[in-house]
């Protein structure tokens, strides 16, 4: 047993035990451990563990062991010295197994003002700190800035659990009032931010407690590691902190810009950044995506000009540069919500052959022949998705939108082709502004920098909605599935997305043979999706190489009008779909 005291040397001792269920790691860049940074052996070891905790400020992650012993896991991970700074044992209270983390820092509070005493005390304890003792607060004491005569001592690396013995030894000196190691425990947050009701339990009282997709539970086994989501849209703000270090192979199908640029260009390019955030924002600053460890491939292509050759070029780019999932939050134009007899609701939108070829290429050739999983937004016209031959194509996943009351969003399209539903904003029946996610930084984007619309810096919006948001969220779930079982073919992934669904709103969902025209097979359950994927035996039969279509630049393209799949907003509004007339 290891012990420490928060009081003086006569106070009660708290005991900790070594737990064989967990190990503690710190990467050299102090970020979450990425599977693709490890050797093949390291990836196999990591696959036998679940992610339990991450302390962002300390850069420390706790992994739970499932298929390998702690000593063996630590020994193997220590071989990854180019990636890991350390891999150590975790401690837990004797009464339960929930892990906590200690650092090699020691807090010391002296009994009286004796600036010279701290160095003498450390010398007598034969303690060689890494650097000079750092006082908490300024040298001239100000009560509001830090306790008087208190220090954090940074020890040299490698002392491990000996830090507890050192603290106990220091506590015996008469000048020392308190002395204990820095001990970290998790807060109540589980990775999703409080406003992100769609990812897990929330404290927002108006939200149905069962309106979320159980993403925070899924993250214990899969966070989208080593999976790339291509977001074909109007560009992604690469300066956003939530995308730092995760963008790969960005491209702009509009402009001959330098390789590696797919940022928004016009003030109207405010759709791709929130879509990308819903799918895979890292969660380091203010918003997490469904697959926070997934890589992001932003491709700026016509999301308002459906049928453009630039769109099929985007699919080929995604496949040739390693995308695993392709998210398309756009489609043909919708009829006006609330005007049921408008002829635009009954217009058939064909899938042009060049677009069909591009999608076929993605599902036949992508991922080394396993195929990319392609998601499409169902549409926001409260009309039949079956007339939209993009979203209803049988090689894609058509995603409908449900709200924070676990019911259909009023605008969401419906029909036989709906495969699944994902939570989104709903200004008609919803009780929240919408989905909290990333926005273009600063005054650009949906939130110009108003707290009521997100945050004061304008980096996040609280009101993203439509089947656009739902489509991107479903793409994130697909990434969790592929990360959990990379051998699955695209149709296996699509089937897992069917089997994992929760049948919501059974009284009004019109379910027949487990399928609803409003929700498909139901609302996605990410936790169940990961569990099913891990147990699924792949049915892969790799196809022959599919011929690469002609994607030469310079064609004279005259696309017909289309739309992104965020609901139409009323004049002057920055958030949410228009109400029904």
Protein backbone atom coordinates (compact mmCIF):
# COMPACT_ATOMS: atom_id res chain seq x y z
CA UNK A 1 0.00 0.00 0.00
CA UNK A 2 1.05 3.56 -0.72
CA UNK A 3 -0.04 6.34 1.66
CA UNK A 4 -0.25 10.13 1.72
CA UNK A 5 -1.59 12.77 4.09
CA UNK A 6 -3.36 16.01 3.20
CA UNK A 7 -2.90 17.31 6.75
CA UNK A 8 0.13 17.32 9.05
CA UNK A 9 2.11 14.25 10.08
CA UNK A 10 -0.52 13.35 12.68
CA UNK A 11 -3.49 13.52 10.29
CA UNK A 12 -5.26 10.51 8.84
CA UNK A 13 -3.38 8.62 6.15
CA UNK A 14 -5.05 7.83 2.82
CA UNK A 15 -4.10 4.49 1.32
CA UNK A 16 -3.72 3.61 -2.33
CA UNK A 17 -3.11 0.25 -3.96
CA UNK A 18 -1.54 -0.71 -7.22
CA UNK A 19 -4.18 -1.82 -9.68
CA UNK A 20 -3.44 -4.32 -12.39
CA UNK A 21 -6.44 -3.12 -14.38
CA UNK A 22 -4.94 0.17 -15.58
CA UNK A 23 -1.72 1.72 -16.76
CA UNK A 24 -0.82 5.40 -16.99
CA UNK A 25 0.97 6.86 -20.01
CA UNK A 26 2.20 10.23 -21.21
CA UNK A 27 3.09 10.85 -24.84
CA UNK A 28 5.99 13.12 -25.70
CA UNK A 29 3.63 15.67 -27.25
CA UNK A 30 1.29 15.34 -24.23
CA UNK A 31 -1.68 14.49 -26.42
CA UNK A 32 -3.81 11.36 -26.52
CA UNK A 33 -1.96 8.31 -27.75
CA UNK A 34 -2.58 7.73 -31.46
CA UNK A 35 -2.50 4.18 -32.77
CA UNK A 36 -0.87 5.23 -36.04
CA UNK A 37 2.15 6.62 -34.15
CA UNK A 38 3.01 3.18 -32.75
CA UNK A 39 4.76 0.18 -34.20
CA UNK A 40 2.69 -2.81 -35.33
CA UNK A 41 3.31 -4.49 -31.97
CA UNK A 42 2.37 -1.31 -30.12
CA UNK A 43 -0.89 -1.07 -32.06
CA UNK A 44 -1.76 -4.65 -31.11
CA UNK A 45 -1.11 -3.89 -27.45
CA UNK A 46 -3.23 -0.73 -27.64
CA UNK A 47 -6.04 -2.70 -29.28
CA UNK A 48 -6.21 -4.79 -26.12
CA UNK A 49 -6.98 -1.75 -23.98
CA UNK A 50 -9.78 0.75 -23.48
CA UNK A 51 -9.30 4.48 -22.99
CA UNK A 52 -10.42 5.30 -19.47
CA UNK A 53 -9.30 8.84 -18.60
CA UNK A 54 -7.37 11.72 -20.09
CA UNK A 55 -6.01 14.63 -18.05
CA UNK A 56 -5.41 17.26 -20.72
CA UNK A 57 -3.57 19.76 -18.51
CA UNK A 58 -1.09 17.13 -17.33
CA UNK A 59 -0.98 15.33 -20.68
CA UNK A 60 -1.62 12.01 -18.92
CA UNK A 61 -3.87 9.22 -20.17
CA UNK A 62 -5.16 6.15 -18.31
CA UNK A 63 -5.75 2.96 -20.25
CA UNK A 64 -7.80 0.02 -19.01
CA UNK A 65 -6.45 -3.43 -19.78
CA UNK A 66 -8.65 -6.14 -21.25
CA UNK A 67 -6.54 -8.68 -23.09
CA UNK A 68 -3.04 -8.30 -21.64
CA UNK A 69 -1.43 -8.02 -18.21
CA UNK A 70 -0.26 -4.67 -16.88
CA UNK A 71 3.41 -5.62 -16.60
CA UNK A 72 3.46 -6.99 -20.14
CA UNK A 73 1.62 -3.96 -21.51
CA UNK A 74 3.96 -1.54 -19.74
CA UNK A 75 7.02 -3.42 -20.99
CA UNK A 76 5.81 -3.33 -24.57
CA UNK A 77 4.79 0.32 -24.50
CA UNK A 78 8.11 1.34 -22.98
CA UNK A 79 9.68 0.14 -26.21
CA UNK A 80 7.81 2.97 -27.95
CA UNK A 81 10.26 5.51 -26.51
CA UNK A 82 9.98 7.76 -29.55
CA UNK A 83 6.28 8.24 -28.77
CA UNK A 84 5.86 7.71 -25.03
CA UNK A 85 7.54 9.61 -22.22
CA UNK A 86 6.48 7.01 -19.66
CA UNK A 87 4.19 4.04 -19.06
CA UNK A 88 3.55 3.39 -15.38
CA UNK A 89 1.26 1.68 -12.92
CA UNK A 90 -2.01 3.24 -11.87
CA UNK A 91 -3.18 3.58 -8.28
CA UNK A 92 -6.67 3.25 -6.83
CA UNK A 93 -8.31 3.51 -3.41
CA UNK A 94 -8.56 0.13 -1.63
CA UNK A 95 -12.37 0.31 -1.57
CA UNK A 96 -12.89 0.49 -5.34
CA UNK A 97 -10.98 0.20 -8.58
CA UNK A 98 -11.47 3.66 -10.06
CA UNK A 99 -7.97 4.86 -10.98
CA UNK A 100 -6.28 8.10 -10.04
CA UNK A 101 -3.04 9.58 -11.29
CA UNK A 102 -0.09 11.00 -9.40
CA UNK A 103 2.65 13.17 -10.81
CA UNK A 104 6.22 13.61 -9.59
CA UNK A 105 5.40 17.07 -8.26
CA UNK A 106 5.14 17.70 -4.52
CA UNK A 107 3.15 20.38 -2.75
CA UNK A 108 4.83 21.82 0.34
CA UNK A 109 3.47 24.41 2.77
CA UNK A 110 5.78 25.80 5.47
CA UNK A 111 4.69 26.72 8.96
CA UNK A 112 6.10 30.27 8.80
CA UNK A 113 7.76 32.70 6.43
CA UNK A 114 11.24 31.31 5.90
CA UNK A 115 12.28 31.69 2.30
CA UNK A 116 15.69 30.14 2.87
CA UNK A 117 14.22 27.15 4.68
CA UNK A 118 12.77 25.47 1.61
CA UNK A 119 16.16 24.86 -0.02
CA UNK A 120 17.59 23.61 3.28
CA UNK A 121 14.67 21.24 3.82
CA UNK A 122 15.03 19.76 0.34
CA UNK A 123 18.77 19.32 0.84
CA UNK A 124 18.27 17.55 4.18
CA UNK A 125 15.75 15.25 2.50
CA UNK A 126 18.35 14.49 -0.19
CA UNK A 127 15.86 15.64 -2.77
CA UNK A 128 17.25 17.04 -6.00
CA UNK A 129 14.47 18.96 -7.71
CA UNK A 130 14.51 19.27 -11.46
CA UNK A 131 14.40 23.04 -11.15
CA UNK A 132 14.28 25.68 -8.44
CA UNK A 133 11.22 25.32 -6.20
CA UNK A 134 8.34 27.29 -7.66
CA UNK A 135 6.21 29.30 -5.27
CA UNK A 136 2.46 29.33 -5.77
CA UNK A 137 1.58 32.96 -6.43
CA UNK A 138 3.99 35.90 -6.49
CA UNK A 139 6.89 36.37 -4.08
CA UNK A 140 5.01 39.20 -2.40
CA UNK A 141 2.05 37.44 -0.85
CA UNK A 142 -1.44 38.36 -2.04
CA UNK A 143 -4.18 36.20 -0.51
CA UNK A 144 -6.30 36.22 -3.65
CA UNK A 145 -3.43 34.86 -5.79
CA UNK A 146 -2.10 31.95 -3.76
CA UNK A 147 -1.43 30.57 -0.27
CA UNK A 148 1.46 31.99 1.71
CA UNK A 149 4.72 30.00 2.09
CA UNK A 150 3.54 27.31 -0.34
CA UNK A 151 5.55 25.65 -3.10
CA UNK A 152 5.26 23.07 -5.83
CA UNK A 153 8.51 21.17 -6.19
CA UNK A 154 9.17 19.61 -9.60
CA UNK A 155 11.24 16.49 -9.12
CA UNK A 156 13.56 14.84 -11.56
CA UNK A 157 11.82 12.38 -13.84
CA UNK A 158 11.83 8.70 -13.10
CA UNK A 159 11.25 8.62 -9.33
CA UNK A 160 7.83 7.04 -9.86
CA UNK A 161 5.97 6.00 -6.72
CA UNK A 162 8.95 6.99 -4.58
CA UNK A 163 7.39 10.44 -4.64
CA UNK A 164 5.04 9.26 -1.85
CA UNK A 165 7.96 8.22 0.39
CA UNK A 166 9.71 11.54 -0.28
CA UNK A 167 6.56 13.46 0.68
CA UNK A 168 6.23 11.46 3.89
CA UNK A 169 9.86 12.18 4.75
CA UNK A 170 9.46 15.91 4.17
CA UNK A 171 6.37 15.96 6.34
CA UNK A 172 8.48 14.95 9.37
CA UNK A 173 10.37 18.26 9.39
CA UNK A 174 8.94 20.68 11.99
CA UNK A 175 8.91 23.56 9.50
CA UNK A 176 6.53 21.65 7.17
CA UNK A 177 2.78 21.92 7.71
CA UNK A 178 1.57 20.01 4.62
CA UNK A 179 3.33 17.86 2.07
CA UNK A 180 1.87 15.49 -0.47
CA UNK A 181 2.24 14.49 -4.14
CA UNK A 182 0.09 16.07 -6.81
CA UNK A 183 -2.84 13.67 -7.26
CA UNK A 184 -5.25 13.95 -10.18
CA UNK A 185 -8.80 12.65 -10.23
CA UNK A 186 -11.27 12.92 -13.07
CA UNK A 187 -13.95 15.58 -13.01
CA UNK A 188 -17.53 14.68 -13.78
CA UNK A 189 -17.00 15.50 -17.45
CA UNK A 190 -16.74 12.44 -19.67
CA UNK A 191 -15.23 14.07 -22.72
CA UNK A 192 -18.31 15.75 -24.14
CA UNK A 193 -18.98 19.33 -23.18
CA UNK A 194 -22.11 20.15 -21.12
CA UNK A 195 -23.90 21.74 -24.10
CA UNK A 196 -23.36 18.65 -26.25
CA UNK A 197 -26.52 16.83 -25.27
CA UNK A 198 -26.37 14.73 -28.43
CA UNK A 199 -23.21 12.87 -27.29
CA UNK A 200 -24.13 11.77 -23.78
CA UNK A 201 -26.00 12.60 -20.57
CA UNK A 202 -26.42 16.31 -19.98
CA UNK A 203 -27.47 18.62 -17.16
CA UNK A 204 -29.75 20.63 -19.46
CA UNK A 205 -33.11 20.07 -17.74
CA UNK A 206 -35.29 20.45 -20.85
CA UNK A 207 -33.54 17.67 -22.80
CA UNK A 208 -34.95 14.17 -22.87
CA UNK A 209 -32.36 12.11 -20.93
CA UNK A 210 -32.48 9.47 -23.66
CA UNK A 211 -31.98 11.83 -26.61
CA UNK A 212 -28.24 11.15 -27.05
CA UNK A 213 -26.26 8.49 -28.94
CA UNK A 214 -24.11 7.14 -26.03
CA UNK A 215 -20.91 8.46 -27.60
CA UNK A 216 -19.20 9.03 -24.25
CA UNK A 217 -19.67 5.33 -23.45
CA UNK A 218 -18.42 4.31 -26.90
CA UNK A 219 -15.20 6.28 -26.34
CA UNK A 220 -14.09 3.78 -23.71
CA UNK A 221 -13.43 1.36 -26.59
CA UNK A 222 -13.14 3.49 -29.71
CA UNK A 223 -12.52 7.16 -30.43
CA UNK A 224 -11.93 6.86 -34.17
CA UNK A 225 -8.18 6.25 -33.94
CA UNK A 226 -6.39 5.82 -37.26
CA UNK A 227 -9.54 6.56 -39.30
CA UNK A 228 -9.89 9.43 -41.78
CA UNK A 229 -13.19 11.23 -42.39
CA UNK A 230 -13.44 13.20 -45.63
CA UNK A 231 -15.88 16.11 -45.36
CA UNK A 232 -16.91 17.29 -48.82
CA UNK A 233 -18.34 20.75 -48.27
CA UNK A 234 -17.56 24.47 -48.58
CA UNK A 235 -14.25 24.36 -46.73
CA UNK A 236 -13.04 23.91 -43.16
CA UNK A 237 -11.31 26.52 -40.99
CA UNK A 238 -7.90 24.89 -40.52
CA UNK A 239 -6.94 27.48 -37.88
CA UNK A 240 -9.58 26.21 -35.49
CA UNK A 241 -7.94 24.69 -32.38
CA UNK A 242 -10.24 21.68 -32.51
CA UNK A 243 -8.66 20.60 -35.82
CA UNK A 244 -5.02 21.19 -34.89
CA UNK A 245 -2.78 18.31 -35.91
CA UNK A 246 -5.52 16.19 -37.44
CA UNK A 247 -6.02 17.58 -40.95
CA UNK A 248 -4.69 15.40 -43.78
CA UNK A 249 -4.74 15.84 -47.57
CA UNK A 250 -6.95 18.93 -47.75
CA UNK A 251 -7.97 19.99 -51.24
CA UNK A 252 -9.94 22.68 -53.03
CA UNK A 253 -11.82 21.47 -56.09
CA UNK A 254 -12.75 25.07 -57.00
CA UNK A 255 -9.39 26.76 -57.06
CA UNK A 256 -5.86 25.88 -58.09
CA UNK A 257 -4.59 26.66 -54.61
CA UNK A 258 -1.41 25.27 -53.06
CA UNK A 259 -1.64 21.69 -51.87
CA UNK A 260 -2.82 21.56 -48.28
CA UNK A 261 -5.40 24.35 -48.42
CA UNK A 262 -9.16 23.84 -48.13
CA UNK A 263 -10.19 26.79 -45.99
CA UNK A 264 -13.38 28.76 -46.58
CA UNK A 265 -13.07 31.58 -49.11
CA UNK A 266 -16.31 33.55 -49.11
CA UNK A 267 -18.37 34.81 -46.13
CA UNK A 268 -21.01 32.25 -47.10
CA UNK A 269 -18.61 29.32 -46.60
CA UNK A 270 -19.82 28.60 -43.08
CA UNK A 271 -21.17 25.09 -43.45
CA UNK A 272 -18.16 22.79 -43.66
CA UNK A 273 -16.54 23.86 -40.38
CA UNK A 274 -19.50 22.91 -38.15
CA UNK A 275 -20.02 19.71 -40.12
CA UNK A 276 -16.40 18.72 -39.54
CA UNK A 277 -16.76 19.57 -35.87
CA UNK A 278 -19.80 17.34 -35.39
CA UNK A 279 -17.91 14.48 -37.03
CA UNK A 280 -14.48 14.68 -35.44
CA UNK A 281 -13.55 17.82 -33.49
CA UNK A 282 -10.84 16.89 -31.01
CA UNK A 283 -12.57 18.25 -27.91
CA UNK A 284 -9.47 20.08 -26.65
CA UNK A 285 -11.03 23.53 -26.36
CA UNK A 286 -14.80 23.60 -26.40
CA UNK A 287 -16.46 20.99 -28.61
CA UNK A 288 -15.94 17.30 -29.25
CA UNK A 289 -16.91 15.40 -32.36
CA UNK A 290 -18.40 11.92 -32.38
CA UNK A 291 -14.97 10.50 -33.32
CA UNK A 292 -12.52 12.89 -31.61
CA UNK A 293 -9.41 10.91 -32.51
CA UNK A 294 -10.25 10.55 -36.20
CA UNK A 295 -8.28 12.43 -38.84
CA UNK A 296 -10.03 15.04 -40.97
CA UNK A 297 -9.75 15.41 -44.75
CA UNK A 298 -11.50 18.65 -45.72
CA UNK A 299 -12.39 18.91 -49.41
CA UNK A 300 -13.82 22.18 -50.62
CA UNK A 301 -16.24 21.34 -53.42
CA UNK A 302 -19.64 22.59 -54.60
CA UNK A 303 -22.14 21.81 -51.87
CA UNK A 304 -24.64 24.23 -53.39
CA UNK A 305 -24.18 23.11 -57.01
CA UNK A 306 -25.31 19.51 -57.11
CA UNK A 307 -24.20 17.61 -60.19
CA UNK A 308 -20.95 19.45 -60.72
CA UNK A 309 -18.00 17.47 -62.03
CA UNK A 310 -16.07 19.08 -59.19
CA UNK A 311 -18.11 16.95 -56.81
CA UNK A 312 -17.20 13.63 -58.40
CA UNK A 313 -13.57 14.80 -58.45
CA UNK A 314 -13.82 15.23 -54.68
CA UNK A 315 -14.75 11.55 -54.26
CA UNK A 316 -11.77 10.40 -56.29
CA UNK A 317 -9.47 12.66 -54.28
CA UNK A 318 -10.84 11.26 -51.03
CA UNK A 319 -10.33 7.66 -52.12
CA UNK A 320 -6.85 8.18 -53.55
CA UNK A 321 -5.69 9.96 -50.38
CA UNK A 322 -6.86 7.38 -47.87
CA UNK A 323 -10.33 8.39 -46.69
CA UNK A 324 -12.26 5.73 -44.75
CA UNK A 325 -15.54 7.63 -44.43
CA UNK A 326 -16.97 10.29 -46.78
CA UNK A 327 -19.53 12.71 -45.36
CA UNK A 328 -21.83 14.64 -47.71
CA UNK A 329 -24.11 17.11 -45.92
CA UNK A 330 -25.68 18.38 -49.13
CA UNK A 331 -28.01 17.29 -51.90
CA UNK A 332 -30.63 18.48 -54.39
CA UNK A 333 -32.81 21.46 -53.40
CA UNK A 334 -35.69 20.88 -50.98
CA UNK A 335 -39.21 22.18 -51.29
CA UNK A 336 -40.29 24.82 -48.75
CA UNK A 337 -41.15 23.39 -45.33
CA UNK A 338 -44.73 24.12 -44.33
CA UNK A 339 -46.01 24.42 -47.91
CA UNK A 340 -46.97 20.79 -48.55
CA UNK A 341 -48.48 21.31 -52.01
CA UNK A 342 -45.51 23.12 -53.48
CA UNK A 343 -44.52 21.23 -56.66
CA UNK A 344 -40.85 21.27 -55.65
CA UNK A 345 -41.67 18.64 -53.01
CA UNK A 346 -42.51 16.16 -55.77
CA UNK A 347 -39.59 16.76 -58.11
CA UNK A 348 -37.39 13.75 -58.86
CA UNK A 349 -33.65 14.43 -58.64
CA UNK A 350 -31.68 11.87 -60.64
CA UNK A 351 -28.18 10.75 -59.70
CA UNK A 352 -26.02 11.64 -62.74
CA UNK A 353 -23.89 8.78 -64.06
CA UNK A 354 -20.64 10.59 -63.30
CA UNK A 355 -21.71 10.91 -59.64
CA UNK A 356 -22.84 7.30 -59.50
CA UNK A 357 -19.47 6.25 -60.87
CA UNK A 358 -17.69 8.32 -58.23
CA UNK A 359 -19.69 6.79 -55.37
CA UNK A 360 -19.21 3.31 -56.83
CA UNK A 361 -15.49 3.95 -57.00
CA UNK A 362 -15.47 4.93 -53.34
CA UNK A 363 -17.27 1.80 -52.15
CA UNK A 364 -15.36 -0.57 -54.45
CA UNK A 365 -11.82 0.79 -54.31
CA UNK A 366 -11.61 2.81 -51.09
CA UNK A 367 -9.79 1.45 -48.03
CA UNK A 368 -7.77 -1.03 -50.05
CA UNK A 369 -10.87 -2.61 -51.57
CA UNK A 370 -12.94 -2.67 -48.38
CA UNK A 371 -14.78 0.44 -49.50
CA UNK A 372 -15.46 3.84 -47.99
CA UNK A 373 -18.64 4.29 -45.99
CA UNK A 374 -20.52 7.23 -47.57
CA UNK A 375 -23.13 9.22 -45.63
CA UNK A 376 -25.63 11.61 -47.20
CA UNK A 377 -27.99 14.06 -45.52
CA UNK A 378 -31.58 13.00 -46.13
CA UNK A 379 -32.86 16.54 -46.72
CA UNK A 380 -34.75 19.29 -44.94
CA UNK A 381 -37.98 19.65 -46.91
CA UNK A 382 -40.27 17.38 -44.87
CA UNK A 383 -40.67 15.43 -48.11
CA UNK A 384 -39.82 12.05 -49.59
CA UNK A 385 -36.13 11.18 -49.59
CA UNK A 386 -36.91 8.51 -52.17
CA UNK A 387 -37.18 11.24 -54.82
CA UNK A 388 -33.60 12.28 -54.04
CA UNK A 389 -31.49 9.70 -55.86
CA UNK A 390 -28.32 10.89 -54.12
CA UNK A 391 -29.39 10.11 -50.56
CA UNK A 392 -31.54 7.15 -51.63
CA UNK A 393 -28.78 5.42 -53.59
CA UNK A 394 -28.37 1.99 -52.01
CA UNK A 395 -24.59 2.31 -51.66
CA UNK A 396 -24.83 5.25 -49.24
CA UNK A 397 -26.33 5.82 -45.79
CA UNK A 398 -29.23 8.30 -45.77
CA UNK A 399 -29.39 10.07 -42.41
CA UNK A 400 -32.51 11.67 -40.95
CA UNK A 401 -32.61 14.09 -38.00
CA UNK A 402 -34.20 13.60 -34.58
CA UNK A 403 -34.34 16.21 -31.84
CA UNK A 404 -33.56 16.69 -28.15
CA UNK A 405 -36.95 15.18 -27.29
CA UNK A 406 -36.10 11.94 -29.15
CA UNK A 407 -38.60 12.71 -31.91
CA UNK A 408 -38.34 13.65 -35.59
CA UNK A 409 -37.09 17.12 -36.46
CA UNK A 410 -39.97 18.82 -38.26
CA UNK A 411 -37.99 19.43 -41.44
CA UNK A 412 -36.37 15.98 -41.79
CA UNK A 413 -37.16 14.08 -44.99
CA UNK A 414 -38.74 10.66 -44.72
CA UNK A 415 -39.18 7.53 -46.79
CA UNK A 416 -38.03 3.99 -47.48
CA UNK A 417 -34.41 5.03 -48.07
CA UNK A 418 -33.88 6.47 -44.58
CA UNK A 419 -31.28 4.22 -42.97
CA UNK A 420 -30.85 5.81 -39.54
CA UNK A 421 -31.34 8.99 -37.55
CA UNK A 422 -28.96 11.20 -35.59
CA UNK A 423 -29.72 14.07 -33.18
CA UNK A 424 -29.90 17.61 -34.54
CA UNK A 425 -31.43 21.00 -33.83
CA UNK A 426 -35.15 21.63 -34.11
CA UNK A 427 -36.65 25.09 -33.54
CA UNK A 428 -40.20 23.72 -33.75
CA UNK A 429 -40.28 20.95 -31.14
CA UNK A 430 -36.76 21.17 -29.70
CA UNK A 431 -35.94 22.74 -26.33
CA UNK A 432 -32.35 23.76 -27.12
CA UNK A 433 -30.96 26.07 -29.84
CA UNK A 434 -29.42 23.06 -31.58
CA UNK A 435 -26.07 21.27 -31.76
CA UNK A 436 -23.03 22.83 -30.07
CA UNK A 437 -20.05 22.47 -32.39
CA UNK A 438 -17.17 24.27 -34.09
CA UNK A 439 -17.68 27.46 -36.06
CA UNK A 440 -15.36 29.53 -38.21
CA UNK A 441 -13.05 31.35 -35.84
CA UNK A 442 -13.69 35.00 -35.05
CA UNK A 443 -16.62 36.91 -36.46
CA UNK A 444 -16.99 34.75 -39.56
CA UNK A 445 -19.43 31.88 -39.52
CA UNK A 446 -22.74 31.26 -37.78
CA UNK A 447 -21.72 32.90 -34.48
CA UNK A 448 -20.32 36.39 -34.92
CA UNK A 449 -19.14 36.46 -31.30
CA UNK A 450 -22.28 36.56 -29.20
CA UNK A 451 -22.55 34.41 -26.09
CA UNK A 452 -26.18 33.62 -26.84
CA UNK A 453 -25.09 32.08 -30.15
CA UNK A 454 -22.17 30.08 -28.80
CA UNK A 455 -19.10 31.72 -27.23
CA UNK A 456 -17.83 35.28 -27.05
CA UNK A 457 -14.83 34.53 -29.26
CA UNK A 458 -17.04 33.29 -32.09
CA UNK A 459 -15.26 29.92 -32.31
CA UNK A 460 -18.30 27.78 -31.50
CA UNK A 461 -21.97 27.81 -32.38
CA UNK A 462 -24.78 26.41 -30.26
CA UNK A 463 -27.34 26.17 -33.04
CA UNK A 464 -26.11 23.98 -35.88
CA UNK A 465 -28.95 21.86 -37.18
CA UNK A 466 -30.53 20.11 -40.13
CA UNK A 467 -29.77 16.74 -41.62
CA UNK A 468 -26.39 18.32 -42.41
CA UNK A 469 -25.42 17.99 -38.77
CA UNK A 470 -27.03 14.56 -38.54
CA UNK A 471 -25.11 13.30 -41.58
CA UNK A 472 -21.77 14.43 -40.14
CA UNK A 473 -22.60 12.80 -36.81
CA UNK A 474 -23.40 9.51 -38.53
CA UNK A 475 -20.04 9.73 -40.32
CA UNK A 476 -18.43 9.99 -36.90
CA UNK A 477 -20.22 6.82 -35.76
CA UNK A 478 -18.96 5.04 -38.87
CA UNK A 479 -15.42 6.10 -37.92
CA UNK A 480 -15.85 4.60 -34.44
CA UNK A 481 -17.00 1.35 -36.05
CA UNK A 482 -14.06 1.16 -38.46
CA UNK A 483 -11.58 1.98 -35.70
CA UNK A 484 -13.05 -0.84 -33.62
CA UNK A 485 -12.74 -3.34 -36.48
CA UNK A 486 -10.71 -2.06 -39.46
CA UNK A 487 -11.30 -5.24 -41.47
CA UNK A 488 -14.99 -4.53 -41.97
CA UNK A 489 -16.09 -3.73 -45.52
CA UNK A 490 -18.30 -0.72 -46.20
CA UNK A 491 -21.45 -2.86 -46.35
CA UNK A 492 -20.49 -4.47 -43.02
CA UNK A 493 -20.21 -1.00 -41.50
CA UNK A 494 -23.58 -0.02 -42.95
CA UNK A 495 -25.12 -3.17 -41.48
CA UNK A 496 -23.62 -2.45 -38.05
CA UNK A 497 -25.16 1.04 -38.24
CA UNK A 498 -28.51 -0.65 -38.81
CA UNK A 499 -28.19 -3.17 -36.00
CA UNK A 500 -27.01 -0.68 -33.38
CA UNK A 501 -30.02 1.64 -33.64
CA UNK A 502 -32.46 2.45 -30.85
CA UNK A 503 -36.07 2.50 -32.01
CA UNK A 504 -37.23 5.89 -30.75
CA UNK A 505 -40.73 7.38 -30.78
CA UNK A 506 -42.37 3.98 -31.23
CA UNK A 507 -45.86 5.43 -30.89
CA UNK A 508 -45.46 7.64 -33.96
CA UNK A 509 -42.51 6.11 -35.79
CA UNK A 510 -44.62 3.86 -38.09
CA UNK A 511 -42.18 0.97 -37.71
CA UNK A 512 -42.80 -1.98 -40.02
CA UNK A 513 -40.36 -4.89 -39.88
CA UNK A 514 -38.14 -2.75 -37.61
CA UNK A 515 -37.95 0.07 -40.18
CA UNK A 516 -39.49 3.51 -39.85
CA UNK A 517 -39.95 5.98 -42.73
CA UNK A 518 -39.08 8.73 -40.23
CA UNK A 519 -36.04 7.25 -38.46
CA UNK A 520 -34.93 4.32 -40.62
CA UNK A 521 -33.87 1.58 -38.22
CA UNK A 522 -33.74 4.13 -35.41
CA UNK A 523 -31.37 6.57 -33.77
CA UNK A 524 -27.73 5.52 -33.84
CA UNK A 525 -26.30 4.12 -30.59
CA UNK A 526 -22.52 4.54 -30.74
CA UNK A 527 -21.78 2.36 -27.73
CA UNK A 528 -23.70 -0.56 -29.21
CA UNK A 529 -22.18 0.09 -32.64
CA UNK A 530 -18.66 -0.34 -31.29
CA UNK A 531 -19.60 -3.50 -29.37
CA UNK A 532 -21.21 -5.06 -32.46
CA UNK A 533 -18.27 -4.06 -34.67
CA UNK A 534 -15.71 -5.65 -32.35
CA UNK A 535 -17.56 -8.98 -32.51
CA UNK A 536 -18.38 -8.86 -36.22
CA UNK A 537 -16.64 -11.25 -38.62
CA UNK A 538 -15.90 -9.34 -41.85
CA UNK A 539 -17.64 -10.53 -45.01
CA UNK A 540 -15.08 -8.88 -47.27
CA UNK A 541 -14.76 -9.97 -50.86
CA UNK A 542 -12.40 -7.51 -52.47
CA UNK A 543 -13.45 -6.39 -55.91
CA UNK A 544 -11.23 -6.10 -58.93
CA UNK A 545 -9.57 -2.70 -59.39
CA UNK A 546 -12.14 -0.19 -60.49
CA UNK A 547 -11.12 2.08 -63.40
CA UNK A 548 -10.31 5.62 -62.31
CA UNK A 549 -12.69 7.99 -64.04
CA UNK A 550 -11.41 10.94 -66.00
CA UNK A 551 -10.99 13.79 -63.53
CA UNK A 552 -9.00 16.12 -65.73
CA UNK A 553 -9.26 19.76 -64.78
CA UNK A 554 -10.46 22.53 -66.99
CA UNK A 555 -13.83 21.17 -68.07
CA UNK A 556 -16.54 23.70 -68.77
CA UNK A 557 -18.94 22.82 -65.96
CA UNK A 558 -22.43 24.27 -65.64
CA UNK A 559 -23.92 22.64 -62.54
CA UNK A 560 -27.57 22.82 -61.66
CA UNK A 561 -28.59 24.42 -58.39
CA UNK A 562 -28.54 22.42 -55.17
CA UNK A 563 -28.31 23.07 -51.47
CA UNK A 564 -26.45 22.21 -48.32
CA UNK A 565 -28.46 20.17 -45.85
CA UNK A 566 -28.72 22.73 -43.09
CA UNK A 567 -32.27 24.06 -42.86
CA UNK A 568 -33.14 27.31 -44.60
CA UNK A 569 -32.92 30.17 -42.12
CA UNK A 570 -35.38 33.02 -41.90
CA UNK A 571 -34.02 36.48 -42.84
CA UNK A 572 -31.69 37.91 -40.24
CA UNK A 573 -31.40 34.67 -38.23
CA UNK A 574 -28.06 33.06 -37.61
CA UNK A 575 -29.33 29.86 -36.09
CA UNK A 576 -31.88 27.15 -36.58
CA UNK A 577 -34.36 26.28 -39.31
CA UNK A 578 -37.33 28.45 -40.10
CA UNK A 579 -40.59 27.57 -38.35
CA UNK A 580 -43.39 25.93 -40.22
CA UNK A 581 -45.72 28.34 -41.86
